[in-house]
Amino acid sequence: LPKAVVMSQVVRRTLVRRLRRHVLWNSNVEPPLRTMLTDS
């Protein structure tokens, strides 16, 4: 897929998972959104 499409998808998915506190594998959840700026 084009990079623009992928980035749109991954940003949307990350926001939804974080804001809704979706439980992922082995009880993990997305980290706080601010880590987007601090974690490479």
ModelCIF file with pLDDT and N, C-alpha, C, O atoms, coordinates in Angstrom:
data_MODEL
#
_entry.id   MODEL 
#
_entity.id                         1 
_entity.type                       polymer 
_entity.pdbx_number_of_molecules   1 
#
_entity_poly.entity_id                      1 
_entity_poly.type                           'polypeptide(L)' 
_entity_poly.nstd_linkage                   no 
_entity_poly.nstd_monomer                   no 
_entity_poly.pdbx_seq_one_letter_code       LPKAVVMSQVVRRTLVRRLRRHVLWNSNVEPPLRTMLTDS 
_entity_poly.pdbx_seq_one_letter_code_can   LPKAVVMSQVVRRTLVRRLRRHVLWNSNVEPPLRTMLTDS 
_entity_poly.pdbx_strand_id                 A 
#
loop_
_entity_poly_seq.entity_id 
_entity_poly_seq.num 
_entity_poly_seq.mon_id 
_entity_poly_seq.hetero 
1 1  LEU n 
1 2  PRO n 
1 3  LYS n 
1 4  ALA n 
1 5  VAL n 
1 6  VAL n 
1 7  MET n 
1 8  SER n 
1 9  GLN n 
1 10 VAL n 
1 11 VAL n 
1 12 ARG n 
1 13 ARG n 
1 14 THR n 
1 15 LEU n 
1 16 VAL n 
1 17 ARG n 
1 18 ARG n 
1 19 LEU n 
1 20 ARG n 
1 21 ARG n 
1 22 HIS n 
1 23 VAL n 
1 24 LEU n 
1 25 TRP n 
1 26 ASN n 
1 27 SER n 
1 28 ASN n 
1 29 VAL n 
1 30 GLU n 
1 31 PRO n 
1 32 PRO n 
1 33 LEU n 
1 34 ARG n 
1 35 THR n 
1 36 MET n 
1 37 LEU n 
1 38 THR n 
1 39 ASP n 
1 40 SER n 
#
_struct_asym.id          A 
_struct_asym.entity_id   1 
#
loop_
_ma_qa_metric.id 
_ma_qa_metric.mode 
_ma_qa_metric.name 
_ma_qa_metric.software_group_id 
_ma_qa_metric.type 
1 global pLDDT . pLDDT 
2 local  pLDDT . pLDDT 
#
_ma_qa_metric_global.metric_id      1 
_ma_qa_metric_global.metric_value   89.92 
_ma_qa_metric_global.model_id       1 
_ma_qa_metric_global.ordinal_id     1 
#
loop_
_ma_qa_metric_local.label_asym_id 
_ma_qa_metric_local.label_comp_id 
_ma_qa_metric_local.label_seq_id 
_ma_qa_metric_local.metric_id 
_ma_qa_metric_local.metric_value 
_ma_qa_metric_local.model_id 
_ma_qa_metric_local.ordinal_id 
A LEU 1  2 97.00 1 1  
A PRO 2  2 97.00 1 2  
A LYS 3  2 97.00 1 3  
A ALA 4  2 97.00 1 4  
A VAL 5  2 97.00 1 5  
A VAL 6  2 96.00 1 6  
A MET 7  2 96.00 1 7  
A SER 8  2 96.00 1 8  
A GLN 9  2 96.00 1 9  
A VAL 10 2 94.00 1 10 
A VAL 11 2 95.00 1 11 
A ARG 12 2 94.00 1 12 
A ARG 13 2 92.00 1 13 
A THR 14 2 91.00 1 14 
A LEU 15 2 93.00 1 15 
A VAL 16 2 92.00 1 16 
A ARG 17 2 89.00 1 17 
A ARG 18 2 89.00 1 18 
A LEU 19 2 89.00 1 19 
A ARG 20 2 87.00 1 20 
A ARG 21 2 85.00 1 21 
A HIS 22 2 84.00 1 22 
A VAL 23 2 86.00 1 23 
A LEU 24 2 85.00 1 24 
A TRP 25 2 80.00 1 25 
A ASN 26 2 85.00 1 26 
A SER 27 2 86.00 1 27 
A ASN 28 2 89.00 1 28 
A VAL 29 2 90.00 1 29 
A GLU 30 2 89.00 1 30 
A PRO 31 2 88.00 1 31 
A PRO 32 2 86.00 1 32 
A LEU 33 2 88.00 1 33 
A ARG 34 2 86.00 1 34 
A THR 35 2 87.00 1 35 
A MET 36 2 85.00 1 36 
A LEU 37 2 86.00 1 37 
A THR 38 2 85.00 1 38 
A ASP 39 2 87.00 1 39 
A SER 40 2 86.00 1 40 
#
loop_
_atom_site.group_PDB 
_atom_site.id 
_atom_site.type_symbol 
_atom_site.label_atom_id 
_atom_site.label_alt_id 
_atom_site.label_comp_id 
_atom_site.label_asym_id 
_atom_site.label_entity_id 
_atom_site.label_seq_id 
_atom_site.pdbx_PDB_ins_code 
_atom_site.Cartn_x 
_atom_site.Cartn_y 
_atom_site.Cartn_z 
_atom_site.occupancy 
_atom_site.B_iso_or_equiv 
_atom_site.pdbx_formal_charge 
_atom_site.auth_seq_id 
_atom_site.auth_comp_id 
_atom_site.auth_asym_id 
_atom_site.auth_atom_id 
_atom_site.pdbx_PDB_model_num 
ATOM 1   N N  . LEU A 1 1  ? 0.824   -1.206  0.000  1.00 97.00 ? 1  LEU A N  1 
ATOM 2   C CA . LEU A 1 1  ? 0.000   0.000   0.000  1.00 97.00 ? 1  LEU A CA 1 
ATOM 3   C C  . LEU A 1 1  ? 0.861   1.260   0.000  1.00 97.00 ? 1  LEU A C  1 
ATOM 4   O O  . LEU A 1 1  ? 1.975   1.246   0.523  1.00 97.00 ? 1  LEU A O  1 
ATOM 5   N N  . PRO A 1 2  ? 0.355   2.351   -0.582 1.00 97.00 ? 2  PRO A N  1 
ATOM 6   C CA . PRO A 1 2  ? 1.077   3.625   -0.524 1.00 97.00 ? 2  PRO A CA 1 
ATOM 7   C C  . PRO A 1 2  ? 1.295   4.069   0.920  1.00 97.00 ? 2  PRO A C  1 
ATOM 8   O O  . PRO A 1 2  ? 0.511   3.753   1.815  1.00 97.00 ? 2  PRO A O  1 
ATOM 9   N N  . LYS A 1 3  ? 2.377   4.807   1.115  1.00 97.00 ? 3  LYS A N  1 
ATOM 10  C CA . LYS A 1 3  ? 2.729   5.248   2.467  1.00 97.00 ? 3  LYS A CA 1 
ATOM 11  C C  . LYS A 1 3  ? 1.632   6.100   3.087  1.00 97.00 ? 3  LYS A C  1 
ATOM 12  O O  . LYS A 1 3  ? 1.358   5.969   4.280  1.00 97.00 ? 3  LYS A O  1 
ATOM 13  N N  . ALA A 1 4  ? 0.999   6.971   2.308  1.00 97.00 ? 4  ALA A N  1 
ATOM 14  C CA . ALA A 1 4  ? -0.053  7.828   2.841  1.00 97.00 ? 4  ALA A CA 1 
ATOM 15  C C  . ALA A 1 4  ? -1.226  7.011   3.357  1.00 97.00 ? 4  ALA A C  1 
ATOM 16  O O  . ALA A 1 4  ? -1.811  7.345   4.387  1.00 97.00 ? 4  ALA A O  1 
ATOM 17  N N  . VAL A 1 5  ? -1.570  5.954   2.656  1.00 97.00 ? 5  VAL A N  1 
ATOM 18  C CA . VAL A 1 5  ? -2.671  5.088   3.089  1.00 97.00 ? 5  VAL A CA 1 
ATOM 19  C C  . VAL A 1 5  ? -2.312  4.381   4.391  1.00 97.00 ? 5  VAL A C  1 
ATOM 20  O O  . VAL A 1 5  ? -3.116  4.328   5.322  1.00 97.00 ? 5  VAL A O  1 
ATOM 21  N N  . VAL A 1 6  ? -1.108  3.842   4.447  1.00 96.00 ? 6  VAL A N  1 
ATOM 22  C CA . VAL A 1 6  ? -0.663  3.147   5.651  1.00 96.00 ? 6  VAL A CA 1 
ATOM 23  C C  . VAL A 1 6  ? -0.657  4.083   6.853  1.00 96.00 ? 6  VAL A C  1 
ATOM 24  O O  . VAL A 1 6  ? -1.127  3.710   7.928  1.00 96.00 ? 6  VAL A O  1 
ATOM 25  N N  . MET A 1 7  ? -0.134  5.286   6.688  1.00 96.00 ? 7  MET A N  1 
ATOM 26  C CA . MET A 1 7  ? -0.053  6.206   7.819  1.00 96.00 ? 7  MET A CA 1 
ATOM 27  C C  . MET A 1 7  ? -1.446  6.613   8.304  1.00 96.00 ? 7  MET A C  1 
ATOM 28  O O  . MET A 1 7  ? -1.675  6.730   9.508  1.00 96.00 ? 7  MET A O  1 
ATOM 29  N N  . SER A 1 8  ? -2.356  6.824   7.387  1.00 96.00 ? 8  SER A N  1 
ATOM 30  C CA . SER A 1 8  ? -3.734  7.132   7.783  1.00 96.00 ? 8  SER A CA 1 
ATOM 31  C C  . SER A 1 8  ? -4.322  6.004   8.615  1.00 96.00 ? 8  SER A C  1 
ATOM 32  O O  . SER A 1 8  ? -4.978  6.240   9.629  1.00 96.00 ? 8  SER A O  1 
ATOM 33  N N  . GLN A 1 9  ? -4.083  4.786   8.178  1.00 96.00 ? 9  GLN A N  1 
ATOM 34  C CA . GLN A 1 9  ? -4.616  3.623   8.897  1.00 96.00 ? 9  GLN A CA 1 
ATOM 35  C C  . GLN A 1 9  ? -3.994  3.476   10.283 1.00 96.00 ? 9  GLN A C  1 
ATOM 36  O O  . GLN A 1 9  ? -4.700  3.253   11.267 1.00 96.00 ? 9  GLN A O  1 
ATOM 37  N N  . VAL A 1 10 ? -2.675  3.602   10.354 1.00 94.00 ? 10 VAL A N  1 
ATOM 38  C CA . VAL A 1 10 ? -2.003  3.328   11.619 1.00 94.00 ? 10 VAL A CA 1 
ATOM 39  C C  . VAL A 1 10 ? -2.288  4.424   12.646 1.00 94.00 ? 10 VAL A C  1 
ATOM 40  O O  . VAL A 1 10 ? -2.401  4.134   13.837 1.00 94.00 ? 10 VAL A O  1 
ATOM 41  N N  . VAL A 1 11 ? -2.404  5.671   12.206 1.00 95.00 ? 11 VAL A N  1 
ATOM 42  C CA . VAL A 1 11 ? -2.754  6.751   13.135 1.00 95.00 ? 11 VAL A CA 1 
ATOM 43  C C  . VAL A 1 11 ? -4.165  6.543   13.667 1.00 95.00 ? 11 VAL A C  1 
ATOM 44  O O  . VAL A 1 11 ? -4.408  6.675   14.867 1.00 95.00 ? 11 VAL A O  1 
ATOM 45  N N  . ARG A 1 12 ? -5.085  6.222   12.783 1.00 94.00 ? 12 ARG A N  1 
ATOM 46  C CA . ARG A 1 12 ? -6.475  6.007   13.206 1.00 94.00 ? 12 ARG A CA 1 
ATOM 47  C C  . ARG A 1 12 ? -6.572  4.816   14.163 1.00 94.00 ? 12 ARG A C  1 
ATOM 48  O O  . ARG A 1 12 ? -7.255  4.887   15.185 1.00 94.00 ? 12 ARG A O  1 
ATOM 49  N N  . ARG A 1 13 ? -5.897  3.744   13.829 1.00 92.00 ? 13 ARG A N  1 
ATOM 50  C CA . ARG A 1 13 ? -5.929  2.551   14.685 1.00 92.00 ? 13 ARG A CA 1 
ATOM 51  C C  . ARG A 1 13 ? -5.336  2.832   16.061 1.00 92.00 ? 13 ARG A C  1 
ATOM 52  O O  . ARG A 1 13 ? -5.883  2.408   17.079 1.00 92.00 ? 13 ARG A O  1 
ATOM 53  N N  . THR A 1 14 ? -4.217  3.549   16.084 1.00 91.00 ? 14 THR A N  1 
ATOM 54  C CA . THR A 1 14 ? -3.560  3.858   17.356 1.00 91.00 ? 14 THR A CA 1 
ATOM 55  C C  . THR A 1 14 ? -4.441  4.723   18.236 1.00 91.00 ? 14 THR A C  1 
ATOM 56  O O  . THR A 1 14 ? -4.543  4.479   19.438 1.00 91.00 ? 14 THR A O  1 
ATOM 57  N N  . LEU A 1 15 ? -5.078  5.727   17.659 1.00 93.00 ? 15 LEU A N  1 
ATOM 58  C CA . LEU A 1 15 ? -5.973  6.600   18.427 1.00 93.00 ? 15 LEU A CA 1 
ATOM 59  C C  . LEU A 1 15 ? -7.140  5.818   19.006 1.00 93.00 ? 15 LEU A C  1 
ATOM 60  O O  . LEU A 1 15 ? -7.481  5.975   20.178 1.00 93.00 ? 15 LEU A O  1 
ATOM 61  N N  . VAL A 1 16 ? -7.745  4.983   18.190 1.00 92.00 ? 16 VAL A N  1 
ATOM 62  C CA . VAL A 1 16 ? -8.901  4.209   18.663 1.00 92.00 ? 16 VAL A CA 1 
ATOM 63  C C  . VAL A 1 16 ? -8.488  3.256   19.784 1.00 92.00 ? 16 VAL A C  1 
ATOM 64  O O  . VAL A 1 16 ? -9.165  3.158   20.808 1.00 92.00 ? 16 VAL A O  1 
ATOM 65  N N  . ARG A 1 17 ? -7.387  2.563   19.583 1.00 89.00 ? 17 ARG A N  1 
ATOM 66  C CA . ARG A 1 17 ? -6.937  1.613   20.602 1.00 89.00 ? 17 ARG A CA 1 
ATOM 67  C C  . ARG A 1 17 ? -6.607  2.302   21.915 1.00 89.00 ? 17 ARG A C  1 
ATOM 68  O O  . ARG A 1 17 ? -6.923  1.786   22.987 1.00 89.00 ? 17 ARG A O  1 
ATOM 69  N N  . ARG A 1 18 ? -5.973  3.464   21.835 1.00 89.00 ? 18 ARG A N  1 
ATOM 70  C CA . ARG A 1 18 ? -5.585  4.163   23.053 1.00 89.00 ? 18 ARG A CA 1 
ATOM 71  C C  . ARG A 1 18 ? -6.792  4.783   23.748 1.00 89.00 ? 18 ARG A C  1 
ATOM 72  O O  . ARG A 1 18 ? -6.961  4.627   24.957 1.00 89.00 ? 18 ARG A O  1 
ATOM 73  N N  . LEU A 1 19 ? -7.611  5.471   23.006 1.00 89.00 ? 19 LEU A N  1 
ATOM 74  C CA . LEU A 1 19 ? -8.743  6.166   23.607 1.00 89.00 ? 19 LEU A CA 1 
ATOM 75  C C  . LEU A 1 19 ? -9.776  5.202   24.177 1.00 89.00 ? 19 LEU A C  1 
ATOM 76  O O  . LEU A 1 19 ? -10.435 5.505   25.172 1.00 89.00 ? 19 LEU A O  1 
ATOM 77  N N  . ARG A 1 20 ? -9.914  4.050   23.550 1.00 87.00 ? 20 ARG A N  1 
ATOM 78  C CA . ARG A 1 20 ? -10.878 3.049   24.024 1.00 87.00 ? 20 ARG A CA 1 
ATOM 79  C C  . ARG A 1 20 ? -10.242 2.004   24.925 1.00 87.00 ? 20 ARG A C  1 
ATOM 80  O O  . ARG A 1 20 ? -10.914 1.086   25.395 1.00 87.00 ? 20 ARG A O  1 
ATOM 81  N N  . ARG A 1 21 ? -8.944  2.147   25.163 1.00 85.00 ? 21 ARG A N  1 
ATOM 82  C CA . ARG A 1 21 ? -8.193  1.232   26.019 1.00 85.00 ? 21 ARG A CA 1 
ATOM 83  C C  . ARG A 1 21 ? -8.396  -0.224  25.599 1.00 85.00 ? 21 ARG A C  1 
ATOM 84  O O  . ARG A 1 21 ? -8.665  -1.094  26.427 1.00 85.00 ? 21 ARG A O  1 
ATOM 85  N N  . HIS A 1 22 ? -8.263  -0.464  24.301 1.00 84.00 ? 22 HIS A N  1 
ATOM 86  C CA . HIS A 1 22 ? -8.390  -1.826  23.807 1.00 84.00 ? 22 HIS A CA 1 
ATOM 87  C C  . HIS A 1 22 ? -7.307  -2.709  24.421 1.00 84.00 ? 22 HIS A C  1 
ATOM 88  O O  . HIS A 1 22 ? -6.132  -2.343  24.446 1.00 84.00 ? 22 HIS A O  1 
ATOM 89  N N  . VAL A 1 23 ? -7.710  -3.851  24.905 1.00 86.00 ? 23 VAL A N  1 
ATOM 90  C CA . VAL A 1 23 ? -6.753  -4.808  25.452 1.00 86.00 ? 23 VAL A CA 1 
ATOM 91  C C  . VAL A 1 23 ? -6.207  -5.635  24.298 1.00 86.00 ? 23 VAL A C  1 
ATOM 92  O O  . VAL A 1 23 ? -6.957  -6.271  23.557 1.00 86.00 ? 23 VAL A O  1 
ATOM 93  N N  . LEU A 1 24 ? -4.892  -5.614  24.161 1.00 85.00 ? 24 LEU A N  1 
ATOM 94  C CA . LEU A 1 24 ? -4.227  -6.319  23.077 1.00 85.00 ? 24 LEU A CA 1 
ATOM 95  C C  . LEU A 1 24 ? -3.633  -7.616  23.610 1.00 85.00 ? 24 LEU A C  1 
ATOM 96  O O  . LEU A 1 24 ? -4.172  -8.202  24.548 1.00 85.00 ? 24 LEU A O  1 
ATOM 97  N N  . TRP A 1 25 ? -2.537  -8.067  23.027 1.00 80.00 ? 25 TRP A N  1 
ATOM 98  C CA . TRP A 1 25 ? -1.977  -9.360  23.357 1.00 80.00 ? 25 TRP A CA 1 
ATOM 99  C C  . TRP A 1 25 ? -1.437  -9.378  24.780 1.00 80.00 ? 25 TRP A C  1 
ATOM 100 O O  . TRP A 1 25 ? -0.735  -8.461  25.206 1.00 80.00 ? 25 TRP A O  1 
ATOM 101 N N  . ASN A 1 26 ? -1.781  -10.448 25.512 1.00 85.00 ? 26 ASN A N  1 
ATOM 102 C CA . ASN A 1 26 ? -1.294  -10.647 26.885 1.00 85.00 ? 26 ASN A CA 1 
ATOM 103 C C  . ASN A 1 26 ? -1.539  -9.423  27.767 1.00 85.00 ? 26 ASN A C  1 
ATOM 104 O O  . ASN A 1 26 ? -0.682  -9.019  28.553 1.00 85.00 ? 26 ASN A O  1 
ATOM 105 N N  . SER A 1 27 ? -2.739  -8.843  27.613 1.00 86.00 ? 27 SER A N  1 
ATOM 106 C CA . SER A 1 27 ? -3.220  -7.739  28.461 1.00 86.00 ? 27 SER A CA 1 
ATOM 107 C C  . SER A 1 27 ? -2.497  -6.424  28.229 1.00 86.00 ? 27 SER A C  1 
ATOM 108 O O  . SER A 1 27 ? -2.606  -5.521  29.058 1.00 86.00 ? 27 SER A O  1 
ATOM 109 N N  . ASN A 1 28 ? -1.770  -6.283  27.146 1.00 89.00 ? 28 ASN A N  1 
ATOM 110 C CA . ASN A 1 28 ? -1.120  -5.019  26.829 1.00 89.00 ? 28 ASN A CA 1 
ATOM 111 C C  . ASN A 1 28 ? -2.134  -4.010  26.280 1.00 89.00 ? 28 ASN A C  1 
ATOM 112 O O  . ASN A 1 28 ? -3.158  -4.384  25.710 1.00 89.00 ? 28 ASN A O  1 
ATOM 113 N N  . VAL A 1 29 ? -1.824  -2.725  26.466 1.00 90.00 ? 29 VAL A N  1 
ATOM 114 C CA . VAL A 1 29 ? -2.613  -1.653  25.873 1.00 90.00 ? 29 VAL A CA 1 
ATOM 115 C C  . VAL A 1 29 ? -1.655  -0.663  25.206 1.00 90.00 ? 29 VAL A C  1 
ATOM 116 O O  . VAL A 1 29 ? -0.472  -0.601  25.541 1.00 90.00 ? 29 VAL A O  1 
ATOM 117 N N  . GLU A 1 30 ? -2.185  0.099   24.266 1.00 89.00 ? 30 GLU A N  1 
ATOM 118 C CA . GLU A 1 30 ? -1.355  1.122   23.623 1.00 89.00 ? 30 GLU A CA 1 
ATOM 119 C C  . GLU A 1 30 ? -0.834  2.110   24.666 1.00 89.00 ? 30 GLU A C  1 
ATOM 120 O O  . GLU A 1 30 ? -1.575  2.481   25.576 1.00 89.00 ? 30 GLU A O  1 
ATOM 121 N N  . PRO A 1 31 ? 0.416   2.541   24.556 1.00 88.00 ? 31 PRO A N  1 
ATOM 122 C CA . PRO A 1 31 ? 0.967   3.508   25.512 1.00 88.00 ? 31 PRO A CA 1 
ATOM 123 C C  . PRO A 1 31 ? 0.332   4.880   25.329 1.00 88.00 ? 31 PRO A C  1 
ATOM 124 O O  . PRO A 1 31 ? -0.353  5.110   24.332 1.00 88.00 ? 31 PRO A O  1 
ATOM 125 N N  . PRO A 1 32 ? 0.548   5.800   26.278 1.00 86.00 ? 32 PRO A N  1 
ATOM 126 C CA . PRO A 1 32 ? 0.002   7.162   26.139 1.00 86.00 ? 32 PRO A CA 1 
ATOM 127 C C  . PRO A 1 32 ? 0.408   7.793   24.809 1.00 86.00 ? 32 PRO A C  1 
ATOM 128 O O  . PRO A 1 32 ? 1.495   7.529   24.295 1.00 86.00 ? 32 PRO A O  1 
ATOM 129 N N  . LEU A 1 33 ? -0.457  8.614   24.268 1.00 88.00 ? 33 LEU A N  1 
ATOM 130 C CA . LEU A 1 33 ? -0.205  9.205   22.957 1.00 88.00 ? 33 LEU A CA 1 
ATOM 131 C C  . LEU A 1 33 ? 1.046   10.078  22.939 1.00 88.00 ? 33 LEU A C  1 
ATOM 132 O O  . LEU A 1 33 ? 1.676   10.237  21.894 1.00 88.00 ? 33 LEU A O  1 
ATOM 133 N N  . ARG A 1 34 ? 1.406   10.642  24.084 1.00 86.00 ? 34 ARG A N  1 
ATOM 134 C CA . ARG A 1 34 ? 2.593   11.503  24.125 1.00 86.00 ? 34 ARG A CA 1 
ATOM 135 C C  . ARG A 1 34 ? 3.860   10.737  23.796 1.00 86.00 ? 34 ARG A C  1 
ATOM 136 O O  . ARG A 1 34 ? 4.853   11.341  23.392 1.00 86.00 ? 34 ARG A O  1 
ATOM 137 N N  . THR A 1 35 ? 3.850   9.405   23.961 1.00 87.00 ? 35 THR A N  1 
ATOM 138 C CA . THR A 1 35 ? 5.045   8.627   23.660 1.00 87.00 ? 35 THR A CA 1 
ATOM 139 C C  . THR A 1 35 ? 5.353   8.612   22.161 1.00 87.00 ? 35 THR A C  1 
ATOM 140 O O  . THR A 1 35 ? 6.442   8.218   21.743 1.00 87.00 ? 35 THR A O  1 
ATOM 141 N N  . MET A 1 36 ? 4.379   9.044   21.364 1.00 85.00 ? 36 MET A N  1 
ATOM 142 C CA . MET A 1 36 ? 4.638   9.181   19.935 1.00 85.00 ? 36 MET A CA 1 
ATOM 143 C C  . MET A 1 36 ? 5.765   10.175  19.692 1.00 85.00 ? 36 MET A C  1 
ATOM 144 O O  . MET A 1 36 ? 6.482   10.069  18.697 1.00 85.00 ? 36 MET A O  1 
ATOM 145 N N  . LEU A 1 37 ? 5.928   11.143  20.595 1.00 86.00 ? 37 LEU A N  1 
ATOM 146 C CA . LEU A 1 37 ? 6.940   12.174  20.452 1.00 86.00 ? 37 LEU A CA 1 
ATOM 147 C C  . LEU A 1 37 ? 8.269   11.791  21.090 1.00 86.00 ? 37 LEU A C  1 
ATOM 148 O O  . LEU A 1 37 ? 9.308   12.364  20.761 1.00 86.00 ? 37 LEU A O  1 
ATOM 149 N N  . THR A 1 38 ? 8.235   10.820  22.004 1.00 85.00 ? 38 THR A N  1 
ATOM 150 C CA . THR A 1 38 ? 9.439   10.508  22.769 1.00 85.00 ? 38 THR A CA 1 
ATOM 151 C C  . THR A 1 38 ? 10.044  9.145   22.457 1.00 85.00 ? 38 THR A C  1 
ATOM 152 O O  . THR A 1 38 ? 11.214  8.903   22.752 1.00 85.00 ? 38 THR A O  1 
ATOM 153 N N  . ASP A 1 39 ? 9.262   8.261   21.867 1.00 87.00 ? 39 ASP A N  1 
ATOM 154 C CA . ASP A 1 39 ? 9.717   6.894   21.617 1.00 87.00 ? 39 ASP A CA 1 
ATOM 155 C C  . ASP A 1 39 ? 9.915   6.683   20.121 1.00 87.00 ? 39 ASP A C  1 
ATOM 156 O O  . ASP A 1 39 ? 8.956   6.699   19.350 1.00 87.00 ? 39 ASP A O  1 
ATOM 157 N N  . SER A 1 40 ? 11.158  6.487   19.721 1.00 86.00 ? 40 SER A N  1 
ATOM 158 C CA . SER A 1 40 ? 11.459  6.322   18.293 1.00 86.00 ? 40 SER A CA 1 
ATOM 159 C C  . SER A 1 40 ? 10.859  5.045   17.718 1.00 86.00 ? 40 SER A C  1 
ATOM 160 O O  . SER A 1 40 ? 11.025  4.765   16.531 1.00 86.00 ? 40 SER A O  1 
#
